[in-house]
Amino acid sequence: MAETKKCSFTGKQIPPGTGMMYVKKTGQVLYFINSKAKKNYINLNRIPARTRWTDTFHSKRDK
């Protein structure tokens, strides 16, 4: 059975066969659910805990 991954930015589960994998020069592997998440993390250098539409933001806010 295919393994589900977790998005590195939003924290949502990525269904098998979708999403994208990004490998940094350091060897760190990042998984993204869509291009919006990838652009916010890689290009715009946004922090997931400060971005309102991510699951990370909502989990930090509830605590």
Protein backbone atom coordinates (compact mmCIF):
# COMPACT_ATOMS: atom_id res chain seq x y z
CA MET A 1 0.00 0.00 0.00
CA ALA A 2 1.18 3.52 -0.79
CA GLU A 3 2.45 5.62 2.06
CA THR A 4 0.82 8.98 2.81
CA LYS A 5 3.12 11.90 3.52
CA LYS A 6 2.57 15.04 5.57
CA CYS A 7 2.96 18.48 3.96
CA SER A 8 6.01 20.31 5.32
CA PHE A 9 4.19 23.65 5.28
CA THR A 10 0.49 23.07 5.94
CA GLY A 11 0.69 19.90 8.01
CA LYS A 12 -2.08 18.21 5.98
CA GLN A 13 -1.91 14.60 4.76
CA ILE A 14 -0.94 14.21 1.08
CA PRO A 15 -2.89 11.50 -0.78
CA PRO A 16 -0.78 8.98 -2.72
CA GLY A 17 -0.01 10.07 -6.27
CA THR A 18 -0.39 13.79 -5.57
CA GLY A 19 1.77 16.59 -4.22
CA MET A 20 5.44 17.24 -4.84
CA MET A 21 8.76 16.45 -3.26
CA TYR A 22 11.51 19.08 -2.91
CA VAL A 23 15.07 18.11 -2.00
CA LYS A 24 17.39 20.79 -0.60
CA LYS A 25 21.13 20.86 -1.23
CA THR A 26 21.63 19.65 2.35
CA GLY A 27 19.69 16.48 1.58
CA GLN A 28 16.60 17.47 3.53
CA VAL A 29 13.40 16.25 1.83
CA LEU A 30 10.30 18.47 1.94
CA TYR A 31 6.83 17.38 0.81
CA PHE A 32 4.20 19.86 -0.38
CA ILE A 33 0.50 19.33 -1.00
CA ASN A 34 0.28 22.02 -3.72
CA SER A 35 2.21 24.82 -5.39
CA LYS A 36 0.74 27.41 -3.00
CA ALA A 37 2.40 25.71 -0.03
CA LYS A 38 5.70 25.32 -1.91
CA LYS A 39 5.82 28.98 -2.98
CA ASN A 40 5.03 30.20 0.53
CA TYR A 41 7.76 28.06 2.09
CA ILE A 42 10.54 28.21 -0.53
CA ASN A 43 10.10 31.52 -2.38
CA LEU A 44 8.41 33.74 0.20
CA ASN A 45 10.14 32.25 3.29
CA ARG A 46 6.94 32.32 5.33
CA ILE A 47 6.68 30.61 8.70
CA PRO A 48 3.81 28.06 8.85
CA ALA A 49 2.88 28.99 12.44
CA ARG A 50 2.23 32.59 11.35
CA THR A 51 0.24 31.76 8.21
CA ARG A 52 -3.48 31.64 8.98
CA TRP A 53 -4.57 28.97 6.48
CA THR A 54 -2.21 26.23 7.75
CA ASP A 55 -3.00 23.49 10.26
CA THR A 56 0.15 24.45 12.17
CA PHE A 57 -1.27 27.92 12.83
CA HIS A 58 -4.53 26.50 14.17
CA SER A 59 -2.81 23.96 16.42
CA LYS A 60 -0.52 26.67 17.91
CA ARG A 61 -3.45 29.05 18.38
CA ASP A 62 -5.58 26.47 20.25
CA LYS A 63 -2.88 25.91 22.88
